[in-house]
């Protein structure tokens, strides 16, 4: 059964069914990229978007060119799809993601993930700039699992049967084989890669010191405002998923400094050269 769940934009008005909106976005993008079919979908987080400018670009599509598509409003998020190749691997890159805290419904927040799946992507590679609970600024963390119970599930509402079952299993969200390939690649290119659990909050406020203590007790190693809801939707759709957090700052209460978005951007910029090296090599390894 195709979903008849109405989409609701930031103004709360019913726009169209979930399936109709996705189909309209798909037709709009396909008209701009032709027969190009990506194998890997890469989402670039805050301060990490420059990687998309350095690939062999086939086409770009601004989010604003896609009728009804949510727009990224956050500083450092360019707001476009970049289609091209990293080596021999065809990719689609989100140069700036959409966040739940921008006022969009959770369905709109994960619409780009479902669209990239519909365009042909089999693997979802998620990145983000995160607050470190177990790790310090400048380190990279391979995501092994996630905690998403602090935001609404991206599967609430009528099930989109064309993607997956009503009650999807979540026992291995982040694909074990992909993780092993990325760990091996990191070692080969000389990048130290930690491992840990990512927890998503709704944002846009940073977490409180007491919340960070709670997250640590729950087993989280990094905290941010994205990623987990996207992984949930991709898992439902049968995509293989991997993810890396760039630790941009210590989470609130673990340092004496107040947190700012500027600090996150600066830390991500400083880590960008090593990050690009790791992402490029990893795409080559998992895209074979």
C-alpha atoms as a PDB file:
ATOM      1  CA  UNK A   1       0.000   0.000   0.000  1.00  0.00           C
ATOM      2  CA  UNK A   2       1.376   3.417  -0.908  1.00  0.00           C
ATOM      3  CA  UNK A   3       1.336   5.972   1.866  1.00  0.00           C
ATOM      4  CA  UNK A   4      -1.597   8.392   2.029  1.00  0.00           C
ATOM      5  CA  UNK A   5      -0.090  10.237   4.976  1.00  0.00           C
ATOM      6  CA  UNK A   6      -0.379  14.000   4.409  1.00  0.00           C
ATOM      7  CA  UNK A   7       2.879  15.953   4.451  1.00  0.00           C
ATOM      8  CA  UNK A   8       2.931  18.985   6.685  1.00  0.00           C
ATOM      9  CA  UNK A   9       5.355  21.815   6.055  1.00  0.00           C
ATOM     10  CA  UNK A  10       6.789  24.180   8.647  1.00  0.00           C
ATOM     11  CA  UNK A  11       3.548  26.188   8.529  1.00  0.00           C
ATOM     12  CA  UNK A  12       1.539  23.103   9.538  1.00  0.00           C
ATOM     13  CA  UNK A  13      -0.568  22.994   6.383  1.00  0.00           C
ATOM     14  CA  UNK A  14      -1.269  19.696   4.666  1.00  0.00           C
ATOM     15  CA  UNK A  15       0.518  19.786   1.304  1.00  0.00           C
ATOM     16  CA  UNK A  16       0.308  16.374  -0.382  1.00  0.00           C
ATOM     17  CA  UNK A  17       0.717  12.710   0.439  1.00  0.00           C
ATOM     18  CA  UNK A  18       4.172  11.456   1.356  1.00  0.00           C
ATOM     19  CA  UNK A  19       4.417   9.296  -1.750  1.00  0.00           C
ATOM     20  CA  UNK A  20       3.191  12.039  -4.094  1.00  0.00           C
ATOM     21  CA  UNK A  21       5.700  14.512  -2.704  1.00  0.00           C
ATOM     22  CA  UNK A  22       8.573  12.058  -3.026  1.00  0.00           C
ATOM     23  CA  UNK A  23       7.529  11.143  -6.577  1.00  0.00           C
ATOM     24  CA  UNK A  24       7.379  14.818  -7.560  1.00  0.00           C
ATOM     25  CA  UNK A  25      10.871  15.443  -6.147  1.00  0.00           C
ATOM     26  CA  UNK A  26      12.183  12.359  -7.947  1.00  0.00           C
ATOM     27  CA  UNK A  27      10.803  13.451 -11.321  1.00  0.00           C
ATOM     28  CA  UNK A  28      12.235  16.945 -10.828  1.00  0.00           C
ATOM     29  CA  UNK A  29      15.739  15.665 -10.077  1.00  0.00           C
ATOM     30  CA  UNK A  30      15.712  12.927 -12.747  1.00  0.00           C
ATOM     31  CA  UNK A  31      14.934  15.586 -15.317  1.00  0.00           C
ATOM     32  CA  UNK A  32      18.187  17.319 -14.369  1.00  0.00           C
ATOM     33  CA  UNK A  33      20.562  14.333 -14.052  1.00  0.00           C
ATOM     34  CA  UNK A  34      19.308  12.058 -16.817  1.00  0.00           C
ATOM     35  CA  UNK A  35      20.445   8.435 -16.582  1.00  0.00           C
ATOM     36  CA  UNK A  36      23.123   9.034 -13.931  1.00  0.00           C
ATOM     37  CA  UNK A  37      22.609   6.521 -11.097  1.00  0.00           C
ATOM     38  CA  UNK A  38      24.534   6.931  -7.824  1.00  0.00           C
ATOM     39  CA  UNK A  39      25.747   3.940  -5.841  1.00  0.00           C
ATOM     40  CA  UNK A  40      26.632   5.813  -2.655  1.00  0.00           C
ATOM     41  CA  UNK A  41      24.723   8.683  -1.014  1.00  0.00           C
ATOM     42  CA  UNK A  42      26.954  10.901   1.116  1.00  0.00           C
ATOM     43  CA  UNK A  43      25.576  13.444   3.594  1.00  0.00           C
ATOM     44  CA  UNK A  44      28.057  16.170   4.569  1.00  0.00           C
ATOM     45  CA  UNK A  45      27.646  17.769   7.988  1.00  0.00           C
ATOM     46  CA  UNK A  46      28.453  21.243   9.343  1.00  0.00           C
ATOM     47  CA  UNK A  47      31.764  22.586   8.084  1.00  0.00           C
ATOM     48  CA  UNK A  48      32.416  19.477   5.962  1.00  0.00           C
ATOM     49  CA  UNK A  49      30.711  20.505   2.723  1.00  0.00           C
ATOM     50  CA  UNK A  50      33.835  21.467   0.767  1.00  0.00           C
ATOM     51  CA  UNK A  51      34.508  17.823  -0.092  1.00  0.00           C
ATOM     52  CA  UNK A  52      31.684  17.931  -2.642  1.00  0.00           C
ATOM     53  CA  UNK A  53      33.468  20.636  -4.640  1.00  0.00           C
ATOM     54  CA  UNK A  54      36.495  18.388  -5.144  1.00  0.00           C
ATOM     55  CA  UNK A  55      34.901  15.398  -6.879  1.00  0.00           C
ATOM     56  CA  UNK A  56      34.375  14.787 -10.596  1.00  0.00           C
ATOM     57  CA  UNK A  57      31.040  16.627 -10.823  1.00  0.00           C
ATOM     58  CA  UNK A  58      28.415  15.512 -13.346  1.00  0.00           C
ATOM     59  CA  UNK A  59      25.534  17.735 -12.217  1.00  0.00           C
ATOM     60  CA  UNK A  60      24.381  19.904  -9.315  1.00  0.00           C
ATOM     61  CA  UNK A  61      20.804  20.537  -8.203  1.00  0.00           C
ATOM     62  CA  UNK A  62      20.034  23.255  -5.668  1.00  0.00           C
ATOM     63  CA  UNK A  63      17.356  22.283  -3.170  1.00  0.00           C
ATOM     64  CA  UNK A  64      15.449  25.404  -4.205  1.00  0.00           C
ATOM     65  CA  UNK A  65      15.141  24.021  -7.753  1.00  0.00           C
ATOM     66  CA  UNK A  66      13.130  21.033  -6.490  1.00  0.00           C
ATOM     67  CA  UNK A  67       9.483  21.930  -6.014  1.00  0.00           C
ATOM     68  CA  UNK A  68       8.332  21.306  -2.448  1.00  0.00           C
ATOM     69  CA  UNK A  69      11.765  20.187  -1.268  1.00  0.00           C
ATOM     70  CA  UNK A  70      12.882  21.407   2.187  1.00  0.00           C
ATOM     71  CA  UNK A  71      15.687  23.967   2.172  1.00  0.00           C
ATOM     72  CA  UNK A  72      18.731  23.976   4.442  1.00  0.00           C
ATOM     73  CA  UNK A  73      18.905  27.231   6.422  1.00  0.00           C
ATOM     74  CA  UNK A  74      21.983  26.596   8.583  1.00  0.00           C
ATOM     75  CA  UNK A  75      25.248  28.501   8.136  1.00  0.00           C
ATOM     76  CA  UNK A  76      27.832  26.248   6.504  1.00  0.00           C
ATOM     77  CA  UNK A  77      25.229  24.131   4.686  1.00  0.00           C
ATOM     78  CA  UNK A  78      25.276  25.025   0.976  1.00  0.00           C
ATOM     79  CA  UNK A  79      21.943  23.386   0.222  1.00  0.00           C
ATOM     80  CA  UNK A  80      22.359  21.343  -2.946  1.00  0.00           C
ATOM     81  CA  UNK A  81      22.804  17.855  -4.353  1.00  0.00           C
ATOM     82  CA  UNK A  82      26.092  17.174  -6.114  1.00  0.00           C
ATOM     83  CA  UNK A  83      26.161  14.228  -8.519  1.00  0.00           C
ATOM     84  CA  UNK A  84      29.472  12.863  -9.715  1.00  0.00           C
ATOM     85  CA  UNK A  85      32.232  10.340  -9.172  1.00  0.00           C
ATOM     86  CA  UNK A  86      34.805   9.745  -6.488  1.00  0.00           C
ATOM     87  CA  UNK A  87      37.316   7.740  -8.479  1.00  0.00           C
ATOM     88  CA  UNK A  88      35.156   5.218 -10.298  1.00  0.00           C
ATOM     89  CA  UNK A  89      32.317   5.288  -7.754  1.00  0.00           C
ATOM     90  CA  UNK A  90      29.137   7.180  -8.750  1.00  0.00           C
ATOM     91  CA  UNK A  91      27.860   9.242  -5.834  1.00  0.00           C
ATOM     92  CA  UNK A  92      25.202  11.722  -4.840  1.00  0.00           C
ATOM     93  CA  UNK A  93      26.255  14.155  -2.134  1.00  0.00           C
ATOM     94  CA  UNK A  94      24.055  16.280   0.089  1.00  0.00           C
ATOM     95  CA  UNK A  95      26.095  19.458   0.470  1.00  0.00           C
ATOM     96  CA  UNK A  96      24.170  20.505   3.550  1.00  0.00           C
ATOM     97  CA  UNK A  97      21.415  18.510   5.216  1.00  0.00           C
ATOM     98  CA  UNK A  98      17.938  19.374   6.489  1.00  0.00           C
ATOM     99  CA  UNK A  99      17.426  19.404  10.265  1.00  0.00           C
ATOM    100  CA  UNK A 100      14.333  18.710  12.345  1.00  0.00           C
ATOM    101  CA  UNK A 101      15.036  21.850  14.392  1.00  0.00           C
ATOM    102  CA  UNK A 102      14.614  24.058  11.308  1.00  0.00           C
ATOM    103  CA  UNK A 103      10.878  23.573  11.734  1.00  0.00           C
ATOM    104  CA  UNK A 104      10.287  20.817   9.203  1.00  0.00           C
ATOM    105  CA  UNK A 105       8.327  17.685   9.956  1.00  0.00           C
ATOM    106  CA  UNK A 106      10.383  14.568  10.550  1.00  0.00           C
ATOM    107  CA  UNK A 107       9.077  13.264   7.225  1.00  0.00           C
ATOM    108  CA  UNK A 108      10.499  16.290   5.419  1.00  0.00           C
ATOM    109  CA  UNK A 109      13.752  15.902   7.344  1.00  0.00           C
ATOM    110  CA  UNK A 110      14.316  12.402   5.933  1.00  0.00           C
ATOM    111  CA  UNK A 111      12.775  13.083   2.504  1.00  0.00           C
ATOM    112  CA  UNK A 112      16.279  13.586   1.001  1.00  0.00           C
ATOM    113  CA  UNK A 113      17.344  10.129   2.201  1.00  0.00           C
ATOM    114  CA  UNK A 114      14.356   8.446   0.590  1.00  0.00           C
ATOM    115  CA  UNK A 115      14.907  10.475  -2.579  1.00  0.00           C
ATOM    116  CA  UNK A 116      18.549   9.381  -2.870  1.00  0.00           C
ATOM    117  CA  UNK A 117      17.465   5.780  -2.358  1.00  0.00           C
ATOM    118  CA  UNK A 118      14.857   6.166  -5.104  1.00  0.00           C
ATOM    119  CA  UNK A 119      17.551   7.621  -7.385  1.00  0.00           C
ATOM    120  CA  UNK A 120      19.510   4.393  -7.010  1.00  0.00           C
ATOM    121  CA  UNK A 121      21.806   4.782  -3.987  1.00  0.00           C
ATOM    122  CA  UNK A 122      22.436   1.509  -2.183  1.00  0.00           C
ATOM    123  CA  UNK A 123      24.736   2.787   0.574  1.00  0.00           C
ATOM    124  CA  UNK A 124      24.184   5.793   2.843  1.00  0.00           C
ATOM    125  CA  UNK A 125      27.365   7.399   4.208  1.00  0.00           C
ATOM    126  CA  UNK A 126      26.489   9.851   6.985  1.00  0.00           C
ATOM    127  CA  UNK A 127      28.822  12.476   8.436  1.00  0.00           C
ATOM    128  CA  UNK A 128      28.325  15.124  11.075  1.00  0.00           C
ATOM    129  CA  UNK A 129      30.057  17.532  13.403  1.00  0.00           C
ATOM    130  CA  UNK A 130      29.318  16.339  16.937  1.00  0.00           C
ATOM    131  CA  UNK A 131      29.971  17.115  20.567  1.00  0.00           C
ATOM    132  CA  UNK A 132      32.389  14.717  22.190  1.00  0.00           C
ATOM    133  CA  UNK A 133      31.358  12.836  25.320  1.00  0.00           C
ATOM    134  CA  UNK A 134      34.092  10.187  25.221  1.00  0.00           C
ATOM    135  CA  UNK A 135      36.391  11.878  22.695  1.00  0.00           C
ATOM    136  CA  UNK A 136      37.996  15.271  22.210  1.00  0.00           C
ATOM    137  CA  UNK A 137      37.820  17.976  19.544  1.00  0.00           C
ATOM    138  CA  UNK A 138      39.528  17.048  16.290  1.00  0.00           C
ATOM    139  CA  UNK A 139      39.039  13.290  16.638  1.00  0.00           C
ATOM    140  CA  UNK A 140      36.966  11.136  14.289  1.00  0.00           C
ATOM    141  CA  UNK A 141      34.446   8.557  15.504  1.00  0.00           C
ATOM    142  CA  UNK A 142      33.061   5.701  13.434  1.00  0.00           C
ATOM    143  CA  UNK A 143      29.422   5.299  14.485  1.00  0.00           C
ATOM    144  CA  UNK A 144      28.677   1.766  15.676  1.00  0.00           C
ATOM    145  CA  UNK A 145      25.142   2.343  16.976  1.00  0.00           C
ATOM    146  CA  UNK A 146      22.774   5.153  17.858  1.00  0.00           C
ATOM    147  CA  UNK A 147      20.227   6.461  20.352  1.00  0.00           C
ATOM    148  CA  UNK A 148      17.318   8.202  18.623  1.00  0.00           C
ATOM    149  CA  UNK A 149      14.645   8.137  21.309  1.00  0.00           C
ATOM    150  CA  UNK A 150      15.057  11.869  22.067  1.00  0.00           C
ATOM    151  CA  UNK A 151      13.503  12.814  18.701  1.00  0.00           C
ATOM    152  CA  UNK A 152      10.302  11.546  17.026  1.00  0.00           C
ATOM    153  CA  UNK A 153      10.713   8.464  14.864  1.00  0.00           C
ATOM    154  CA  UNK A 154      10.965   9.242  11.161  1.00  0.00           C
ATOM    155  CA  UNK A 155       8.633   6.281  10.543  1.00  0.00           C
ATOM    156  CA  UNK A 156       5.611   7.653  12.440  1.00  0.00           C
ATOM    157  CA  UNK A 157       2.474   7.665  10.306  1.00  0.00           C
ATOM    158  CA  UNK A 158       1.260   5.411   7.501  1.00  0.00           C
ATOM    159  CA  UNK A 159       4.012   3.008   6.454  1.00  0.00           C
ATOM    160  CA  UNK A 160       5.644   3.611   3.069  1.00  0.00           C
ATOM    161  CA  UNK A 161       5.406  -0.010   1.953  1.00  0.00           C
ATOM    162  CA  UNK A 162       7.447   0.641  -1.183  1.00  0.00           C
ATOM    163  CA  UNK A 163      10.476   1.129   1.096  1.00  0.00           C
ATOM    164  CA  UNK A 164      10.084  -1.319   3.941  1.00  0.00           C
ATOM    165  CA  UNK A 165       8.009  -3.125   6.540  1.00  0.00           C
ATOM    166  CA  UNK A 166       5.924  -1.480   9.245  1.00  0.00           C
ATOM    167  CA  UNK A 167       8.172  -2.695  12.085  1.00  0.00           C
ATOM    168  CA  UNK A 168      11.791  -2.777  10.831  1.00  0.00           C
ATOM    169  CA  UNK A 169      14.554  -4.533  12.756  1.00  0.00           C
ATOM    170  CA  UNK A 170      17.206  -2.200  14.199  1.00  0.00           C
ATOM    171  CA  UNK A 171      19.743  -4.713  15.511  1.00  0.00           C
ATOM    172  CA  UNK A 172      22.477  -3.628  13.079  1.00  0.00           C
ATOM    173  CA  UNK A 173      21.765  -0.144  11.747  1.00  0.00           C
ATOM    174  CA  UNK A 174      25.395   0.553  10.845  1.00  0.00           C
ATOM    175  CA  UNK A 175      26.592  -2.211   8.536  1.00  0.00           C
ATOM    176  CA  UNK A 176      29.347  -4.331  10.083  1.00  0.00           C
ATOM    177  CA  UNK A 177      31.142  -5.011   6.793  1.00  0.00           C
ATOM    178  CA  UNK A 178      31.170  -1.319   5.880  1.00  0.00           C
ATOM    179  CA  UNK A 179      32.555  -0.439   9.312  1.00  0.00           C
ATOM    180  CA  UNK A 180      35.336  -2.983   8.992  1.00  0.00           C
ATOM    181  CA  UNK A 181      36.238  -1.681   5.528  1.00  0.00           C
ATOM    182  CA  UNK A 182      36.380   1.915   6.792  1.00  0.00           C
ATOM    183  CA  UNK A 183      38.492   0.958   9.828  1.00  0.00           C
ATOM    184  CA  UNK A 184      40.947  -0.836   7.560  1.00  0.00           C
ATOM    185  CA  UNK A 185      41.032   2.132   5.192  1.00  0.00           C
ATOM    186  CA  UNK A 186      41.623   4.601   8.035  1.00  0.00           C
ATOM    187  CA  UNK A 187      44.609   2.563   9.170  1.00  0.00           C
ATOM    188  CA  UNK A 188      45.997   2.453   5.630  1.00  0.00           C
ATOM    189  CA  UNK A 189      45.795   6.226   5.130  1.00  0.00           C
ATOM    190  CA  UNK A 190      47.058   7.053   8.614  1.00  0.00           C
ATOM    191  CA  UNK A 191      43.894   8.433  10.173  1.00  0.00           C
ATOM    192  CA  UNK A 192      43.115   7.468  13.764  1.00  0.00           C
ATOM    193  CA  UNK A 193      39.480   6.449  13.942  1.00  0.00           C
ATOM    194  CA  UNK A 194      37.666   5.933  17.227  1.00  0.00           C
ATOM    195  CA  UNK A 195      34.405   4.014  17.531  1.00  0.00           C
ATOM    196  CA  UNK A 196      31.261   4.770  19.489  1.00  0.00           C
ATOM    197  CA  UNK A 197      27.547   5.422  19.896  1.00  0.00           C
ATOM    198  CA  UNK A 198      25.905   8.610  18.607  1.00  0.00           C
ATOM    199  CA  UNK A 199      22.876  10.202  20.278  1.00  0.00           C
ATOM    200  CA  UNK A 200      20.607  12.676  18.484  1.00  0.00           C
ATOM    201  CA  UNK A 201      18.799  15.502  20.241  1.00  0.00           C
ATOM    202  CA  UNK A 202      16.245  17.769  18.603  1.00  0.00           C
ATOM    203  CA  UNK A 203      18.260  21.011  18.904  1.00  0.00           C
ATOM    204  CA  UNK A 204      18.734  23.810  18.056  1.00  0.00           C
ATOM    205  CA  UNK A 205      19.935  24.441  21.610  1.00  0.00           C
ATOM    206  CA  UNK A 206      23.073  22.678  22.730  1.00  0.00           C
ATOM    207  CA  UNK A 207      22.648  20.050  25.444  1.00  0.00           C
ATOM    208  CA  UNK A 208      22.874  20.884  29.156  1.00  0.00           C
ATOM    209  CA  UNK A 209      25.604  19.481  31.438  1.00  0.00           C
ATOM    210  CA  UNK A 210      23.021  17.277  33.182  1.00  0.00           C
ATOM    211  CA  UNK A 211      21.848  15.915  29.822  1.00  0.00           C
ATOM    212  CA  UNK A 212      25.420  15.088  28.842  1.00  0.00           C
ATOM    213  CA  UNK A 213      25.833  13.147  32.108  1.00  0.00           C
ATOM    214  CA  UNK A 214      22.630  11.258  31.281  1.00  0.00           C
ATOM    215  CA  UNK A 215      23.791  10.498  27.732  1.00  0.00           C
ATOM    216  CA  UNK A 216      27.068   9.124  29.082  1.00  0.00           C
ATOM    217  CA  UNK A 217      25.212   6.840  31.495  1.00  0.00           C
ATOM    218  CA  UNK A 218      23.089   5.635  28.567  1.00  0.00           C
ATOM    219  CA  UNK A 219      26.227   4.700  26.637  1.00  0.00           C
ATOM    220  CA  UNK A 220      26.591   7.597  24.184  1.00  0.00           C
ATOM    221  CA  UNK A 221      30.043   8.723  23.053  1.00  0.00           C
ATOM    222  CA  UNK A 222      29.020  11.712  20.896  1.00  0.00           C
ATOM    223  CA  UNK A 223      25.968  13.957  20.643  1.00  0.00           C
ATOM    224  CA  UNK A 224      24.465  15.952  17.796  1.00  0.00           C
ATOM    225  CA  UNK A 225      21.290  17.205  16.132  1.00  0.00           C
ATOM    226  CA  UNK A 226      21.050  14.995  13.038  1.00  0.00           C
ATOM    227  CA  UNK A 227      22.047  11.624  11.555  1.00  0.00           C
ATOM    228  CA  UNK A 228      20.099   9.120  13.699  1.00  0.00           C
ATOM    229  CA  UNK A 229      16.723   9.943  12.125  1.00  0.00           C
ATOM    230  CA  UNK A 230      18.315   9.679   8.671  1.00  0.00           C
ATOM    231  CA  UNK A 231      19.860   6.310   9.491  1.00  0.00           C
ATOM    232  CA  UNK A 232      16.500   5.075  10.762  1.00  0.00           C
ATOM    233  CA  UNK A 233      14.764   5.991   7.490  1.00  0.00           C
ATOM    234  CA  UNK A 234      17.573   4.457   5.427  1.00  0.00           C
ATOM    235  CA  UNK A 235      17.501   1.259   7.467  1.00  0.00           C
ATOM    236  CA  UNK A 236      13.758   1.024   6.867  1.00  0.00           C
ATOM    237  CA  UNK A 237      14.415   1.421   3.138  1.00  0.00           C
ATOM    238  CA  UNK A 238      16.960  -1.391   3.048  1.00  0.00           C
ATOM    239  CA  UNK A 239      20.048   0.755   2.531  1.00  0.00           C
ATOM    240  CA  UNK A 240      23.427  -0.222   3.974  1.00  0.00           C
ATOM    241  CA  UNK A 241      24.596   2.513   6.345  1.00  0.00           C
ATOM    242  CA  UNK A 242      27.860   3.822   7.717  1.00  0.00           C
ATOM    243  CA  UNK A 243      28.680   7.041   9.522  1.00  0.00           C
ATOM    244  CA  UNK A 244      31.547   9.124  10.866  1.00  0.00           C
ATOM    245  CA  UNK A 245      31.357  11.948  13.409  1.00  0.00           C
ATOM    246  CA  UNK A 246      33.917  14.721  13.377  1.00  0.00           C
ATOM    247  CA  UNK A 247      34.201  15.684  17.052  1.00  0.00           C
ATOM    248  CA  UNK A 248      34.061  19.475  16.894  1.00  0.00           C
ATOM    249  CA  UNK A 249      33.957  20.298  20.600  1.00  0.00           C
ATOM    250  CA  UNK A 250      33.599  18.757  24.022  1.00  0.00           C
ATOM    251  CA  UNK A 251      29.948  18.352  24.947  1.00  0.00           C
ATOM    252  CA  UNK A 252      28.481  20.865  27.372  1.00  0.00           C
ATOM    253  CA  UNK A 253      29.810  20.631  30.914  1.00  0.00           C
ATOM    254  CA  UNK A 254      33.022  18.866  29.895  1.00  0.00           C
ATOM    255  CA  UNK A 255      34.906  22.139  29.362  1.00  0.00           C
ATOM    256  CA  UNK A 256      34.750  25.631  30.833  1.00  0.00           C
ATOM    257  CA  UNK A 257      33.832  27.261  27.525  1.00  0.00           C
ATOM    258  CA  UNK A 258      30.262  28.004  26.380  1.00  0.00           C
ATOM    259  CA  UNK A 259      29.330  26.246  23.141  1.00  0.00           C
ATOM    260  CA  UNK A 260      28.832  28.165  19.872  1.00  0.00           C
ATOM    261  CA  UNK A 261      28.079  27.195  16.290  1.00  0.00           C
ATOM    262  CA  UNK A 262      31.136  29.200  15.237  1.00  0.00           C
ATOM    263  CA  UNK A 263      33.324  26.911  17.343  1.00  0.00           C
ATOM    264  CA  UNK A 264      31.807  23.897  15.609  1.00  0.00           C
ATOM    265  CA  UNK A 265      32.493  25.398  12.174  1.00  0.00           C
ATOM    266  CA  UNK A 266      36.092  26.311  13.024  1.00  0.00           C
ATOM    267  CA  UNK A 267      36.850  22.862  14.420  1.00  0.00           C
ATOM    268  CA  UNK A 268      35.334  21.160  11.376  1.00  0.00           C
ATOM    269  CA  UNK A 269      37.359  23.419   9.073  1.00  0.00           C
ATOM    270  CA  UNK A 270      40.558  22.525  10.927  1.00  0.00           C
ATOM    271  CA  UNK A 271      39.795  18.816  10.582  1.00  0.00           C
ATOM    272  CA  UNK A 272      38.700  19.077   6.938  1.00  0.00           C
ATOM    273  CA  UNK A 273      41.950  17.998   5.202  1.00  0.00           C
ATOM    274  CA  UNK A 274      42.196  14.749   7.176  1.00  0.00           C
ATOM    275  CA  UNK A 275      38.445  14.220   6.906  1.00  0.00           C
ATOM    276  CA  UNK A 276      38.491  14.563   3.112  1.00  0.00           C
ATOM    277  CA  UNK A 277      41.347  12.095   2.890  1.00  0.00           C
ATOM    278  CA  UNK A 278      39.444   9.566   4.984  1.00  0.00           C
ATOM    279  CA  UNK A 279      36.116  10.002   3.171  1.00  0.00           C
ATOM    280  CA  UNK A 280      37.670   9.752  -0.299  1.00  0.00           C
ATOM    281  CA  UNK A 281      39.569   6.580   0.563  1.00  0.00           C
ATOM    282  CA  UNK A 282      36.558   5.072   2.345  1.00  0.00           C
ATOM    283  CA  UNK A 283      34.245   5.623  -0.623  1.00  0.00           C
ATOM    284  CA  UNK A 284      36.760   3.823  -2.800  1.00  0.00           C
ATOM    285  CA  UNK A 285      36.837   0.910  -0.367  1.00  0.00           C
ATOM    286  CA  UNK A 286      33.091   0.476   0.196  1.00  0.00           C
ATOM    287  CA  UNK A 287      32.073   1.292  -3.370  1.00  0.00           C
ATOM    288  CA  UNK A 288      33.933  -1.584  -5.026  1.00  0.00           C
END
